[in-house]
Amino acid sequence: MLAELLARLNRMITWPPPDTDRNRFLFRLTFPLAALASVYVLTFALVSDGLLPYFVSIVLLMVTGVSGIGLLLMRAHRQEVAAAEAAELARVEGAAP
């Protein structure tokens, strides 16, 4: 049962994320919110000198990094597809005068 669940999750989770409008919206929303939250919690951790706020700020910094990397990977994929489409269009226009 656990093996089936893990196999199903393995098919569903992809990295880099597919470049869809929904994913772009979610990543563009997550990145600044996580950045602001991590700065706020890190400031609180430095002032209070508590151990738990440090752990929370580290997790928030990781979320910020992952969402930033996801945005960059989606942008690179989008640019690669646009370049391939432009090359194909130029090839077709050059072949049919």
PDB file of N, CA and C in Angstrom:
ATOM      1  N   MET A   1       0.815  -1.189   0.000  1.00  0.00           N
ATOM      2  CA  MET A   1       0.000   0.000   0.000  1.00  0.00           C
ATOM      3  C   MET A   1       0.867   1.265   0.000  1.00  0.00           C
ATOM      4  N   LEU A   2       1.895   1.256   0.829  1.00  0.00           N
ATOM      5  CA  LEU A   2       2.792   2.411   0.883  1.00  0.00           C
ATOM      6  C   LEU A   2       3.567   2.549  -0.425  1.00  0.00           C
ATOM      7  N   ALA A   3       3.947   1.419  -1.009  1.00  0.00           N
ATOM      8  CA  ALA A   3       4.675   1.468  -2.279  1.00  0.00           C
ATOM      9  C   ALA A   3       3.812   2.056  -3.386  1.00  0.00           C
ATOM     10  N   GLU A   4       2.523   1.717  -3.389  1.00  0.00           N
ATOM     11  CA  GLU A   4       1.617   2.275  -4.392  1.00  0.00           C
ATOM     12  C   GLU A   4       1.473   3.777  -4.219  1.00  0.00           C
ATOM     13  N   LEU A   5       1.354   4.228  -2.967  1.00  0.00           N
ATOM     14  CA  LEU A   5       1.229   5.650  -2.696  1.00  0.00           C
ATOM     15  C   LEU A   5       2.483   6.407  -3.127  1.00  0.00           C
ATOM     16  N   LEU A   6       3.647   5.854  -2.820  1.00  0.00           N
ATOM     17  CA  LEU A   6       4.895   6.495  -3.225  1.00  0.00           C
ATOM     18  C   LEU A   6       5.052   6.518  -4.741  1.00  0.00           C
ATOM     19  N   ALA A   7       4.634   5.454  -5.413  1.00  0.00           N
ATOM     20  CA  ALA A   7       4.708   5.437  -6.873  1.00  0.00           C
ATOM     21  C   ALA A   7       3.770   6.475  -7.473  1.00  0.00           C
ATOM     22  N   ARG A   8       2.579   6.629  -6.904  1.00  0.00           N
ATOM     23  CA  ARG A   8       1.630   7.624  -7.398  1.00  0.00           C
ATOM     24  C   ARG A   8       2.160   9.035  -7.162  1.00  0.00           C
ATOM     25  N   LEU A   9       2.751   9.280  -5.995  1.00  0.00           N
ATOM     26  CA  LEU A   9       3.331  10.596  -5.712  1.00  0.00           C
ATOM     27  C   LEU A   9       4.521  10.878  -6.624  1.00  0.00           C
ATOM     28  N   ASN A  10       5.285   9.860  -6.945  1.00  0.00           N
ATOM     29  CA  ASN A  10       6.447  10.038  -7.816  1.00  0.00           C
ATOM     30  C   ASN A  10       6.018  10.474  -9.213  1.00  0.00           C
ATOM     31  N   ARG A  11       4.877   9.995  -9.693  1.00  0.00           N
ATOM     32  CA  ARG A  11       4.386  10.415 -10.996  1.00  0.00           C
ATOM     33  C   ARG A  11       3.804  11.818 -10.948  1.00  0.00           C
ATOM     34  N   MET A  12       3.293  12.250  -9.792  1.00  0.00           N
ATOM     35  CA  MET A  12       2.629  13.544  -9.689  1.00  0.00           C
ATOM     36  C   MET A  12       3.603  14.690  -9.450  1.00  0.00           C
ATOM     37  N   ILE A  13       4.666  14.455  -8.710  1.00  0.00           N
ATOM     38  CA  ILE A  13       5.599  15.520  -8.342  1.00  0.00           C
ATOM     39  C   ILE A  13       6.706  15.599  -9.378  1.00  0.00           C
ATOM     40  N   THR A  14       6.860  16.770  -9.981  1.00  0.00           N
ATOM     41  CA  THR A  14       7.917  16.961 -10.965  1.00  0.00           C
ATOM     42  C   THR A  14       8.746  18.181 -10.578  1.00  0.00           C
ATOM     43  N   TRP A  15      10.009  18.133 -10.911  1.00  0.00           N
ATOM     44  CA  TRP A  15      10.871  19.285 -10.709  1.00  0.00           C
ATOM     45  C   TRP A  15      11.779  19.404 -11.905  1.00  0.00           C
ATOM     46  N   PRO A  16      11.892  20.458 -12.585  1.00  0.00           N
ATOM     47  CA  PRO A  16      11.250  21.735 -12.304  1.00  0.00           C
ATOM     48  C   PRO A  16       9.747  21.661 -12.560  1.00  0.00           C
ATOM     49  N   PRO A  17       9.012  22.547 -11.920  1.00  0.00           N
ATOM     50  CA  PRO A  17       7.558  22.510 -12.077  1.00  0.00           C
ATOM     51  C   PRO A  17       7.152  22.836 -13.511  1.00  0.00           C
ATOM     52  N   PRO A  18       6.055  22.253 -13.977  1.00  0.00           N
ATOM     53  CA  PRO A  18       5.595  22.588 -15.323  1.00  0.00           C
ATOM     54  C   PRO A  18       5.281  24.078 -15.425  1.00  0.00           C
ATOM     55  N   ASP A  19       5.588  24.664 -16.556  1.00  0.00           N
ATOM     56  CA  ASP A  19       5.393  26.103 -16.747  1.00  0.00           C
ATOM     57  C   ASP A  19       3.943  26.369 -17.146  1.00  0.00           C
ATOM     58  N   THR A  20       3.094  26.453 -16.139  1.00  0.00           N
ATOM     59  CA  THR A  20       1.683  26.758 -16.368  1.00  0.00           C
ATOM     60  C   THR A  20       1.367  28.101 -15.726  1.00  0.00           C
ATOM     61  N   ASP A  21       0.246  28.684 -16.108  1.00  0.00           N
ATOM     62  CA  ASP A  21      -0.153  29.966 -15.520  1.00  0.00           C
ATOM     63  C   ASP A  21      -0.354  29.842 -14.013  1.00  0.00           C
ATOM     64  N   ARG A  22      -0.959  28.735 -13.587  1.00  0.00           N
ATOM     65  CA  ARG A  22      -1.203  28.538 -12.162  1.00  0.00           C
ATOM     66  C   ARG A  22       0.105  28.443 -11.380  1.00  0.00           C
ATOM     67  N   ASN A  23       1.066  27.672 -11.887  1.00  0.00           N
ATOM     68  CA  ASN A  23       2.342  27.544 -11.191  1.00  0.00           C
ATOM     69  C   ASN A  23       3.088  28.871 -11.152  1.00  0.00           C
ATOM     70  N   ARG A  24       3.064  29.614 -12.270  1.00  0.00           N
ATOM     71  CA  ARG A  24       3.718  30.920 -12.268  1.00  0.00           C
ATOM     72  C   ARG A  24       3.090  31.839 -11.236  1.00  0.00           C
ATOM     73  N   PHE A  25       1.751  31.848 -11.157  1.00  0.00           N
ATOM     74  CA  PHE A  25       1.067  32.687 -10.170  1.00  0.00           C
ATOM     75  C   PHE A  25       1.443  32.273  -8.753  1.00  0.00           C
ATOM     76  N   LEU A  26       1.422  30.972  -8.474  1.00  0.00           N
ATOM     77  CA  LEU A  26       1.731  30.500  -7.120  1.00  0.00           C
ATOM     78  C   LEU A  26       3.172  30.798  -6.730  1.00  0.00           C
ATOM     79  N   PHE A  27       4.101  30.597  -7.644  1.00  0.00           N
ATOM     80  CA  PHE A  27       5.501  30.861  -7.322  1.00  0.00           C
ATOM     81  C   PHE A  27       5.756  32.359  -7.178  1.00  0.00           C
ATOM     82  N   ARG A  28       5.116  33.175  -8.021  1.00  0.00           N
ATOM     83  CA  ARG A  28       5.274  34.626  -7.893  1.00  0.00           C
ATOM     84  C   ARG A  28       4.642  35.142  -6.618  1.00  0.00           C
ATOM     85  N   LEU A  29       3.646  34.469  -6.105  1.00  0.00           N
ATOM     86  CA  LEU A  29       3.029  34.848  -4.837  1.00  0.00           C
ATOM     87  C   LEU A  29       3.863  34.351  -3.656  1.00  0.00           C
ATOM     88  N   THR A  30       4.370  33.143  -3.766  1.00  0.00           N
ATOM     89  CA  THR A  30       5.116  32.531  -2.671  1.00  0.00           C
ATOM     90  C   THR A  30       6.443  33.229  -2.424  1.00  0.00           C
ATOM     91  N   PHE A  31       7.147  33.599  -3.485  1.00  0.00           N
ATOM     92  CA  PHE A  31       8.493  34.150  -3.317  1.00  0.00           C
ATOM     93  C   PHE A  31       8.522  35.409  -2.449  1.00  0.00           C
ATOM     94  N   PRO A  32       7.767  36.465  -2.761  1.00  0.00           N
ATOM     95  CA  PRO A  32       7.866  37.658  -1.910  1.00  0.00           C
ATOM     96  C   PRO A  32       7.273  37.450  -0.516  1.00  0.00           C
ATOM     97  N   LEU A  33       6.199  36.663  -0.417  1.00  0.00           N
ATOM     98  CA  LEU A  33       5.625  36.423   0.911  1.00  0.00           C
ATOM     99  C   LEU A  33       6.593  35.658   1.813  1.00  0.00           C
ATOM    100  N   ALA A  34       7.242  34.647   1.255  1.00  0.00           N
ATOM    101  CA  ALA A  34       8.206  33.886   2.041  1.00  0.00           C
ATOM    102  C   ALA A  34       9.427  34.735   2.389  1.00  0.00           C
ATOM    103  N   ALA A  35       9.842  35.596   1.472  1.00  0.00           N
ATOM    104  CA  ALA A  35      10.983  36.476   1.754  1.00  0.00           C
ATOM    105  C   ALA A  35      10.656  37.447   2.886  1.00  0.00           C
ATOM    106  N   LEU A  36       9.478  38.055   2.816  1.00  0.00           N
ATOM    107  CA  LEU A  36       9.084  38.974   3.894  1.00  0.00           C
ATOM    108  C   LEU A  36       8.928  38.250   5.224  1.00  0.00           C
ATOM    109  N   ALA A  37       8.312  37.095   5.196  1.00  0.00           N
ATOM    110  CA  ALA A  37       8.125  36.336   6.430  1.00  0.00           C
ATOM    111  C   ALA A  37       9.466  35.898   7.018  1.00  0.00           C
ATOM    112  N   SER A  38      10.399  35.482   6.169  1.00  0.00           N
ATOM    113  CA  SER A  38      11.699  35.053   6.689  1.00  0.00           C
ATOM    114  C   SER A  38      12.475  36.215   7.293  1.00  0.00           C
ATOM    115  N   VAL A  39      12.391  37.393   6.675  1.00  0.00           N
ATOM    116  CA  VAL A  39      13.068  38.568   7.253  1.00  0.00           C
ATOM    117  C   VAL A  39      12.442  38.931   8.595  1.00  0.00           C
ATOM    118  N   TYR A  40      11.124  38.880   8.662  1.00  0.00           N
ATOM    119  CA  TYR A  40      10.425  39.217   9.914  1.00  0.00           C
ATOM    120  C   TYR A  40      10.786  38.221  11.021  1.00  0.00           C
ATOM    121  N   VAL A  41      10.731  36.939  10.707  1.00  0.00           N
ATOM    122  CA  VAL A  41      11.010  35.929  11.734  1.00  0.00           C
ATOM    123  C   VAL A  41      12.487  35.943  12.110  1.00  0.00           C
ATOM    124  N   LEU A  42      13.368  36.184  11.152  1.00  0.00           N
ATOM    125  CA  LEU A  42      14.793  36.255  11.477  1.00  0.00           C
ATOM    126  C   LEU A  42      15.088  37.452  12.377  1.00  0.00           C
ATOM    127  N   THR A  43      14.436  38.580  12.123  1.00  0.00           N
ATOM    128  CA  THR A  43      14.588  39.741  13.004  1.00  0.00           C
ATOM    129  C   THR A  43      14.095  39.417  14.403  1.00  0.00           C
ATOM    130  N   PHE A  44      12.945  38.751  14.487  1.00  0.00           N
ATOM    131  CA  PHE A  44      12.420  38.340  15.785  1.00  0.00           C
ATOM    132  C   PHE A  44      13.379  37.376  16.475  1.00  0.00           C
ATOM    133  N   ALA A  45      13.982  36.471  15.713  1.00  0.00           N
ATOM    134  CA  ALA A  45      14.908  35.503  16.296  1.00  0.00           C
ATOM    135  C   ALA A  45      16.153  36.200  16.839  1.00  0.00           C
ATOM    136  N   LEU A  46      16.642  37.195  16.111  1.00  0.00           N
ATOM    137  CA  LEU A  46      17.827  37.907  16.580  1.00  0.00           C
ATOM    138  C   LEU A  46      17.541  38.725  17.829  1.00  0.00           C
ATOM    139  N   VAL A  47      16.343  39.296  17.910  1.00  0.00           N
ATOM    140  CA  VAL A  47      15.989  40.104  19.072  1.00  0.00           C
ATOM    141  C   VAL A  47      15.712  39.232  20.292  1.00  0.00           C
ATOM    142  N   SER A  48      14.967  38.145  20.082  1.00  0.00           N
ATOM    143  CA  SER A  48      14.555  37.322  21.223  1.00  0.00           C
ATOM    144  C   SER A  48      15.597  36.280  21.596  1.00  0.00           C
ATOM    145  N   ASP A  49      16.488  35.952  20.686  1.00  0.00           N
ATOM    146  CA  ASP A  49      17.518  34.941  20.898  1.00  0.00           C
ATOM    147  C   ASP A  49      16.905  33.589  21.271  1.00  0.00           C
ATOM    148  N   GLY A  50      15.763  33.279  20.651  1.00  0.00           N
ATOM    149  CA  GLY A  50      15.127  31.989  20.875  1.00  0.00           C
ATOM    150  C   GLY A  50      15.567  30.993  19.822  1.00  0.00           C
ATOM    151  N   LEU A  51      15.538  29.719  20.166  1.00  0.00           N
ATOM    152  CA  LEU A  51      15.984  28.688  19.242  1.00  0.00           C
ATOM    153  C   LEU A  51      14.928  28.384  18.180  1.00  0.00           C
ATOM    154  N   LEU A  52      13.670  28.336  18.555  1.00  0.00           N
ATOM    155  CA  LEU A  52      12.605  28.016  17.608  1.00  0.00           C
ATOM    156  C   LEU A  52      12.482  29.045  16.480  1.00  0.00           C
ATOM    157  N   PRO A  53      12.560  30.344  16.763  1.00  0.00           N
ATOM    158  CA  PRO A  53      12.500  31.294  15.640  1.00  0.00           C
ATOM    159  C   PRO A  53      13.645  31.127  14.630  1.00  0.00           C
ATOM    160  N   TYR A  54      14.801  30.699  15.098  1.00  0.00           N
ATOM    161  CA  TYR A  54      15.899  30.442  14.166  1.00  0.00           C
ATOM    162  C   TYR A  54      15.545  29.295  13.217  1.00  0.00           C
ATOM    163  N   PHE A  55      14.981  28.221  13.772  1.00  0.00           N
ATOM    164  CA  PHE A  55      14.585  27.093  12.931  1.00  0.00           C
ATOM    165  C   PHE A  55      13.503  27.492  11.932  1.00  0.00           C
ATOM    166  N   VAL A  56      12.526  28.270  12.390  1.00  0.00           N
ATOM    167  CA  VAL A  56      11.451  28.711  11.502  1.00  0.00           C
ATOM    168  C   VAL A  56      12.010  29.618  10.404  1.00  0.00           C
ATOM    169  N   SER A  57      12.935  30.491  10.752  1.00  0.00           N
ATOM    170  CA  SER A  57      13.506  31.376   9.733  1.00  0.00           C
ATOM    171  C   SER A  57      14.327  30.584   8.714  1.00  0.00           C
ATOM    172  N   ILE A  58      14.999  29.539   9.137  1.00  0.00           N
ATOM    173  CA  ILE A  58      15.750  28.701   8.199  1.00  0.00           C
ATOM    174  C   ILE A  58      14.804  28.007   7.233  1.00  0.00           C
ATOM    175  N   VAL A  59      13.692  27.488   7.752  1.00  0.00           N
ATOM    176  CA  VAL A  59      12.707  26.839   6.880  1.00  0.00           C
ATOM    177  C   VAL A  59      12.124  27.848   5.893  1.00  0.00           C
ATOM    178  N   LEU A  60      11.816  29.049   6.361  1.00  0.00           N
ATOM    179  CA  LEU A  60      11.275  30.072   5.470  1.00  0.00           C
ATOM    180  C   LEU A  60      12.300  30.506   4.422  1.00  0.00           C
ATOM    181  N   LEU A  61      13.562  30.577   4.800  1.00  0.00           N
ATOM    182  CA  LEU A  61      14.604  30.897   3.818  1.00  0.00           C
ATOM    183  C   LEU A  61      14.722  29.801   2.767  1.00  0.00           C
ATOM    184  N   MET A  62      14.553  28.539   3.173  1.00  0.00           N
ATOM    185  CA  MET A  62      14.582  27.446   2.200  1.00  0.00           C
ATOM    186  C   MET A  62      13.386  27.526   1.254  1.00  0.00           C
ATOM    187  N   VAL A  63      12.214  27.858   1.778  1.00  0.00           N
ATOM    188  CA  VAL A  63      11.032  28.017   0.927  1.00  0.00           C
ATOM    189  C   VAL A  63      11.252  29.151  -0.065  1.00  0.00           C
ATOM    190  N   THR A  64      11.842  30.240   0.398  1.00  0.00           N
ATOM    191  CA  THR A  64      12.145  31.364  -0.492  1.00  0.00           C
ATOM    192  C   THR A  64      13.108  30.936  -1.598  1.00  0.00           C
ATOM    193  N   GLY A  65      14.131  30.205  -1.227  1.00  0.00           N
ATOM    194  CA  GLY A  65      15.103  29.740  -2.220  1.00  0.00           C
ATOM    195  C   GLY A  65      14.496  28.787  -3.235  1.00  0.00           C
ATOM    196  N   VAL A  66      13.690  27.867  -2.760  1.00  0.00           N
ATOM    197  CA  VAL A  66      13.067  26.901  -3.676  1.00  0.00           C
ATOM    198  C   VAL A  66      12.113  27.608  -4.632  1.00  0.00           C
ATOM    199  N   SER A  67      11.338  28.552  -4.129  1.00  0.00           N
ATOM    200  CA  SER A  67      10.406  29.249  -5.021  1.00  0.00           C
ATOM    201  C   SER A  67      11.169  30.137  -6.009  1.00  0.00           C
ATOM    202  N   GLY A  68      12.258  30.738  -5.592  1.00  0.00           N
ATOM    203  CA  GLY A  68      13.081  31.530  -6.518  1.00  0.00           C
ATOM    204  C   GLY A  68      13.715  30.668  -7.592  1.00  0.00           C
ATOM    205  N   ILE A  69      14.228  29.512  -7.210  1.00  0.00           N
ATOM    206  CA  ILE A  69      14.820  28.598  -8.180  1.00  0.00           C
ATOM    207  C   ILE A  69      13.745  28.086  -9.142  1.00  0.00           C
ATOM    208  N   GLY A  70      12.560  27.789  -8.608  1.00  0.00           N
ATOM    209  CA  GLY A  70      11.461  27.355  -9.471  1.00  0.00           C
ATOM    210  C   GLY A  70      11.084  28.412 -10.491  1.00  0.00           C
ATOM    211  N   LEU A  71      11.044  29.664 -10.062  1.00  0.00           N
ATOM    212  CA  LEU A  71      10.753  30.751 -10.999  1.00  0.00           C
ATOM    213  C   LEU A  71      11.814  30.849 -12.090  1.00  0.00           C
ATOM    214  N   LEU A  72      13.063  30.734 -11.699  1.00  0.00           N
ATOM    215  CA  LEU A  72      14.146  30.811 -12.687  1.00  0.00           C
ATOM    216  C   LEU A  72      14.104  29.648 -13.668  1.00  0.00           C
ATOM    217  N   LEU A  73      13.796  28.449 -13.175  1.00  0.00           N
ATOM    218  CA  LEU A  73      13.730  27.289 -14.057  1.00  0.00           C
ATOM    219  C   LEU A  73      12.551  27.385 -15.020  1.00  0.00           C
ATOM    220  N   MET A  74      11.412  27.890 -14.527  1.00  0.00           N
ATOM    221  CA  MET A  74      10.266  28.055 -15.412  1.00  0.00           C
ATOM    222  C   MET A  74      10.559  29.108 -16.482  1.00  0.00           C
ATOM    223  N   ARG A  75      11.238  30.180 -16.105  1.00  0.00           N
ATOM    224  CA  ARG A  75      11.588  31.219 -17.076  1.00  0.00           C
ATOM    225  C   ARG A  75      12.562  30.678 -18.120  1.00  0.00           C
ATOM    226  N   ALA A  76      13.550  29.906 -17.682  1.00  0.00           N
ATOM    227  CA  ALA A  76      14.509  29.335 -18.627  1.00  0.00           C
ATOM    228  C   ALA A  76      13.809  28.394 -19.600  1.00  0.00           C
ATOM    229  N   HIS A  77      12.880  27.601 -19.105  1.00  0.00           N
ATOM    230  CA  HIS A  77      12.131  26.697 -19.985  1.00  0.00           C
ATOM    231  C   HIS A  77      11.288  27.481 -20.979  1.00  0.00           C
ATOM    232  N   ARG A  78      10.639  28.550 -20.516  1.00  0.00           N
ATOM    233  CA  ARG A  78       9.814  29.375 -21.395  1.00  0.00           C
ATOM    234  C   ARG A  78      10.665  30.023 -22.486  1.00  0.00           C
ATOM    235  N   GLN A  79      11.861  30.503 -22.137  1.00  0.00           N
ATOM    236  CA  GLN A  79      12.749  31.115 -23.124  1.00  0.00           C
ATOM    237  C   GLN A  79      13.280  30.083 -24.114  1.00  0.00           C
ATOM    238  N   GLU A  80      13.542  28.882 -23.630  1.00  0.00           N
ATOM    239  CA  GLU A  80      14.020  27.816 -24.509  1.00  0.00           C
ATOM    240  C   GLU A  80      12.951  27.429 -25.525  1.00  0.00           C
ATOM    241  N   VAL A  81      11.714  27.333 -25.074  1.00  0.00           N
ATOM    242  CA  VAL A  81      10.615  26.999 -25.976  1.00  0.00           C
ATOM    243  C   VAL A  81      10.406  28.120 -26.993  1.00  0.00           C
ATOM    244  N   ALA A  82      10.479  29.371 -26.564  1.00  0.00           N
ATOM    245  CA  ALA A  82      10.309  30.502 -27.484  1.00  0.00           C
ATOM    246  C   ALA A  82      11.421  30.527 -28.522  1.00  0.00           C
ATOM    247  N   ALA A  83      12.648  30.234 -28.125  1.00  0.00           N
ATOM    248  CA  ALA A  83      13.761  30.208 -29.076  1.00  0.00           C
ATOM    249  C   ALA A  83      13.590  29.073 -30.079  1.00  0.00           C
ATOM    250  N   ALA A  84      13.127  27.913 -29.612  1.00  0.00           N
ATOM    251  CA  ALA A  84      12.911  26.785 -30.521  1.00  0.00           C
ATOM    252  C   ALA A  84      11.790  27.097 -31.503  1.00  0.00           C
ATOM    253  N   GLU A  85      10.731  27.745 -31.040  1.00  0.00           N
ATOM    254  CA  GLU A  85       9.637  28.116 -31.934  1.00  0.00           C
ATOM    255  C   GLU A  85      10.097  29.150 -32.968  1.00  0.00           C
ATOM    256  N   ALA A  86      10.909  30.110 -32.545  1.00  0.00           N
ATOM    257  CA  ALA A  86      11.424  31.114 -33.481  1.00  0.00           C
ATOM    258  C   ALA A  86      12.335  30.469 -34.519  1.00  0.00           C
ATOM    259  N   ALA A  87      13.168  29.522 -34.100  1.00  0.00           N
ATOM    260  CA  ALA A  87      14.053  28.833 -35.045  1.00  0.00           C
ATOM    261  C   ALA A  87      13.240  28.004 -36.029  1.00  0.00           C
ATOM    262  N   GLU A  88      12.197  27.346 -35.548  1.00  0.00           N
ATOM    263  CA  GLU A  88      11.343  26.562 -36.429  1.00  0.00           C
ATOM    264  C   GLU A  88      10.612  27.447 -37.431  1.00  0.00           C
ATOM    265  N   LEU A  89      10.129  28.587 -36.948  1.00  0.00           N
ATOM    266  CA  LEU A  89       9.437  29.524 -37.833  1.00  0.00           C
ATOM    267  C   LEU A  89      10.396  30.067 -38.898  1.00  0.00           C
ATOM    268  N   ALA A  90      11.612  30.388 -38.511  1.00  0.00           N
ATOM    269  CA  ALA A  90      12.610  30.885 -39.469  1.00  0.00           C
ATOM    270  C   ALA A  90      12.961  29.799 -40.471  1.00  0.00           C
ATOM    271  N   ARG A  91      13.038  28.548 -40.022  1.00  0.00           N
ATOM    272  CA  ARG A  91      13.355  27.454 -40.929  1.00  0.00           C
ATOM    273  C   ARG A  91      12.237  27.241 -41.935  1.00  0.00           C
ATOM    274  N   VAL A  92      10.984  27.327 -41.474  1.00  0.00           N
ATOM    275  CA  VAL A  92       9.839  27.125 -42.364  1.00  0.00           C
ATOM    276  C   VAL A  92       9.734  28.272 -43.355  1.00  0.00           C
ATOM    277  N   GLU A  93       9.926  29.501 -42.898  1.00  0.00           N
ATOM    278  CA  GLU A  93       9.847  30.649 -43.799  1.00  0.00           C
ATOM    279  C   GLU A  93      10.983  30.654 -44.799  1.00  0.00           C
ATOM    280  N   GLY A  94      12.155  30.164 -44.398  1.00  0.00           N
ATOM    281  CA  GLY A  94      13.278  30.124 -45.309  1.00  0.00           C
ATOM    282  C   GLY A  94      13.142  29.013 -46.344  1.00  0.00           C
ATOM    283  N   ALA A  95      12.439  27.934 -46.009  1.00  0.00           N
ATOM    284  CA  ALA A  95      12.296  26.814 -46.927  1.00  0.00           C
ATOM    285  C   ALA A  95      11.210  27.061 -47.956  1.00  0.00           C
ATOM    286  N   ALA A  96      10.186  27.860 -47.619  1.00  0.00           N
ATOM    287  CA  ALA A  96       9.068  28.109 -48.552  1.00  0.00           C
ATOM    288  C   ALA A  96       9.092  29.566 -48.993  1.00  0.00           C
ATOM    289  N   PRO A  97       9.701  29.853 -50.160  1.00  0.00           N
ATOM    290  CA  PRO A  97       9.775  31.254 -50.611  1.00  0.00           C
ATOM    291  C   PRO A  97       8.469  31.750 -51.152  1.00  0.00           C
TER     292      PRO A  97
END
